[in-house]
Amino acid sequence: MPKCVIERTLPGAGHMSNDEWQSIAQKSNETIDSLAGRAQWLHSFVTDEKLYCVYIADSAETVAEHAKIGGFPCDKVSQVHRVIDPTTSQ
């Protein structure tokens, strides 16, 4: 299944409490369960005002559906075509 990166604007994200993140993660997991295996959340990067979430899903549309069902912001969904790192130069 393709990997996708989701950009989400969430003002104040960098200053949210552990309890707030726990609640968000629980809601996300419940929503993913309702998608019957069509998506898997890998991890998210939290910045001051945005989240960049990495998912494996059958399509970008499924990731957008997850956001809609869960009530999460979803500014942009981009399919990852390749992952590179420092070892790519070798």
C-alpha atoms as a PDB file:
ATOM      1  CA  MET A   1       0.000   0.000   0.000  1.00  0.00           C
ATOM      2  CA  PRO A   2       1.224   3.529  -0.737  1.00  0.00           C
ATOM      3  CA  LYS A   3       2.671   5.773   1.932  1.00  0.00           C
ATOM      4  CA  CYS A   4       1.122   9.241   2.338  1.00  0.00           C
ATOM      5  CA  VAL A   5       2.067  12.408   4.201  1.00  0.00           C
ATOM      6  CA  ILE A   6      -0.766  14.553   5.540  1.00  0.00           C
ATOM      7  CA  GLU A   7      -0.294  18.214   6.387  1.00  0.00           C
ATOM      8  CA  ARG A   8      -2.648  19.430   9.119  1.00  0.00           C
ATOM      9  CA  THR A   9      -2.889  22.978  10.468  1.00  0.00           C
ATOM     10  CA  LEU A  10      -3.493  22.849  14.209  1.00  0.00           C
ATOM     11  CA  PRO A  11      -2.794  26.179  15.932  1.00  0.00           C
ATOM     12  CA  GLY A  12      -0.935  25.698  19.203  1.00  0.00           C
ATOM     13  CA  ALA A  13      -0.022  22.089  18.383  1.00  0.00           C
ATOM     14  CA  GLY A  14       3.478  22.474  19.757  1.00  0.00           C
ATOM     15  CA  HIS A  15       2.134  23.455  23.164  1.00  0.00           C
ATOM     16  CA  MET A  16      -0.588  20.841  23.637  1.00  0.00           C
ATOM     17  CA  SER A  17      -0.507  18.633  26.728  1.00  0.00           C
ATOM     18  CA  ASN A  18       0.148  14.900  26.838  1.00  0.00           C
ATOM     19  CA  ASP A  19      -3.510  14.380  27.802  1.00  0.00           C
ATOM     20  CA  GLU A  20      -4.657  16.288  24.717  1.00  0.00           C
ATOM     21  CA  TRP A  21      -2.373  14.215  22.461  1.00  0.00           C
ATOM     22  CA  GLN A  22      -3.570  11.009  24.097  1.00  0.00           C
ATOM     23  CA  SER A  23      -7.184  11.929  23.356  1.00  0.00           C
ATOM     24  CA  ILE A  24      -6.362  12.814  19.736  1.00  0.00           C
ATOM     25  CA  ALA A  25      -4.436   9.561  19.259  1.00  0.00           C
ATOM     26  CA  GLN A  26      -7.297   7.522  20.724  1.00  0.00           C
ATOM     27  CA  LYS A  27      -9.788   9.173  18.349  1.00  0.00           C
ATOM     28  CA  SER A  28      -7.452   8.557  15.412  1.00  0.00           C
ATOM     29  CA  ASN A  29      -7.038   4.882  16.336  1.00  0.00           C
ATOM     30  CA  GLU A  30     -10.809   4.426  16.664  1.00  0.00           C
ATOM     31  CA  THR A  31     -11.313   6.028  13.265  1.00  0.00           C
ATOM     32  CA  ILE A  32      -8.642   3.847  11.662  1.00  0.00           C
ATOM     33  CA  ASP A  33     -10.335   0.766  13.117  1.00  0.00           C
ATOM     34  CA  SER A  34     -13.548   1.812  11.346  1.00  0.00           C
ATOM     35  CA  LEU A  35     -11.683   1.827   8.001  1.00  0.00           C
ATOM     36  CA  ALA A  36     -11.273  -1.958   8.167  1.00  0.00           C
ATOM     37  CA  GLY A  37      -7.576  -2.223   7.354  1.00  0.00           C
ATOM     38  CA  ARG A  38      -7.505   0.364   4.564  1.00  0.00           C
ATOM     39  CA  ALA A  39      -5.137   2.672   6.485  1.00  0.00           C
ATOM     40  CA  GLN A  40      -2.421   2.533   9.114  1.00  0.00           C
ATOM     41  CA  TRP A  41      -1.042   5.533  11.013  1.00  0.00           C
ATOM     42  CA  LEU A  42       2.734   5.274  11.376  1.00  0.00           C
ATOM     43  CA  HIS A  43       3.663   8.494  13.190  1.00  0.00           C
ATOM     44  CA  SER A  44       3.282  12.269  13.206  1.00  0.00           C
ATOM     45  CA  PHE A  45       5.703  15.166  13.461  1.00  0.00           C
ATOM     46  CA  VAL A  46       4.387  18.023  15.617  1.00  0.00           C
ATOM     47  CA  THR A  47       5.540  21.591  14.994  1.00  0.00           C
ATOM     48  CA  ASP A  48       4.305  24.851  16.516  1.00  0.00           C
ATOM     49  CA  GLU A  49       1.239  25.131  14.301  1.00  0.00           C
ATOM     50  CA  LYS A  50       1.127  21.993  12.130  1.00  0.00           C
ATOM     51  CA  LEU A  51       1.224  18.232  12.126  1.00  0.00           C
ATOM     52  CA  TYR A  52       2.830  16.145   9.402  1.00  0.00           C
ATOM     53  CA  CYS A  53       1.372  12.660   9.657  1.00  0.00           C
ATOM     54  CA  VAL A  54       2.670   9.580   7.862  1.00  0.00           C
ATOM     55  CA  TYR A  55       0.189   6.868   6.887  1.00  0.00           C
ATOM     56  CA  ILE A  56       0.149   3.727   4.823  1.00  0.00           C
ATOM     57  CA  ALA A  57      -3.172   3.509   3.009  1.00  0.00           C
ATOM     58  CA  ASP A  58      -4.806   2.044  -0.050  1.00  0.00           C
ATOM     59  CA  SER A  59      -5.227   5.598  -1.418  1.00  0.00           C
ATOM     60  CA  ALA A  60      -4.891   9.283  -0.582  1.00  0.00           C
ATOM     61  CA  GLU A  61      -8.690   9.400  -0.576  1.00  0.00           C
ATOM     62  CA  THR A  62      -8.796   6.933   2.327  1.00  0.00           C
ATOM     63  CA  VAL A  63      -6.491   9.196   4.339  1.00  0.00           C
ATOM     64  CA  ALA A  64      -8.772  12.162   3.611  1.00  0.00           C
ATOM     65  CA  GLU A  65     -11.753  10.015   4.644  1.00  0.00           C
ATOM     66  CA  HIS A  66     -10.013   9.244   7.958  1.00  0.00           C
ATOM     67  CA  ALA A  67      -9.677  12.996   8.588  1.00  0.00           C
ATOM     68  CA  LYS A  68     -13.305  13.663   7.725  1.00  0.00           C
ATOM     69  CA  ILE A  69     -14.673  10.851   9.893  1.00  0.00           C
ATOM     70  CA  GLY A  70     -12.415  11.754  12.819  1.00  0.00           C
ATOM     71  CA  GLY A  71     -12.973  15.496  12.548  1.00  0.00           C
ATOM     72  CA  PHE A  72      -9.266  16.150  11.979  1.00  0.00           C
ATOM     73  CA  PRO A  73      -7.892  19.002   9.880  1.00  0.00           C
ATOM     74  CA  CYS A  74      -6.502  17.884   6.516  1.00  0.00           C
ATOM     75  CA  ASP A  75      -4.859  20.620   4.460  1.00  0.00           C
ATOM     76  CA  LYS A  76      -3.073  18.386   1.990  1.00  0.00           C
ATOM     77  CA  VAL A  77      -2.471  14.689   1.343  1.00  0.00           C
ATOM     78  CA  SER A  78       0.585  13.767  -0.732  1.00  0.00           C
ATOM     79  CA  GLN A  79       1.591  10.300  -1.850  1.00  0.00           C
ATOM     80  CA  VAL A  80       5.225   9.438  -1.118  1.00  0.00           C
ATOM     81  CA  HIS A  81       7.010   8.215  -4.245  1.00  0.00           C
ATOM     82  CA  ARG A  82      10.400   7.553  -2.694  1.00  0.00           C
ATOM     83  CA  VAL A  83      12.193   7.774   0.638  1.00  0.00           C
ATOM     84  CA  ILE A  84      15.781   8.950   0.602  1.00  0.00           C
ATOM     85  CA  ASP A  85      18.331   9.379   3.387  1.00  0.00           C
ATOM     86  CA  PRO A  86      22.079   9.943   3.693  1.00  0.00           C
ATOM     87  CA  THR A  87      22.792   6.393   2.500  1.00  0.00           C
ATOM     88  CA  THR A  88      21.148   7.211  -0.852  1.00  0.00           C
ATOM     89  CA  SER A  89      24.442   8.880  -1.837  1.00  0.00           C
ATOM     90  CA  GLN A  90      26.335   5.595  -1.649  1.00  0.00           C
END
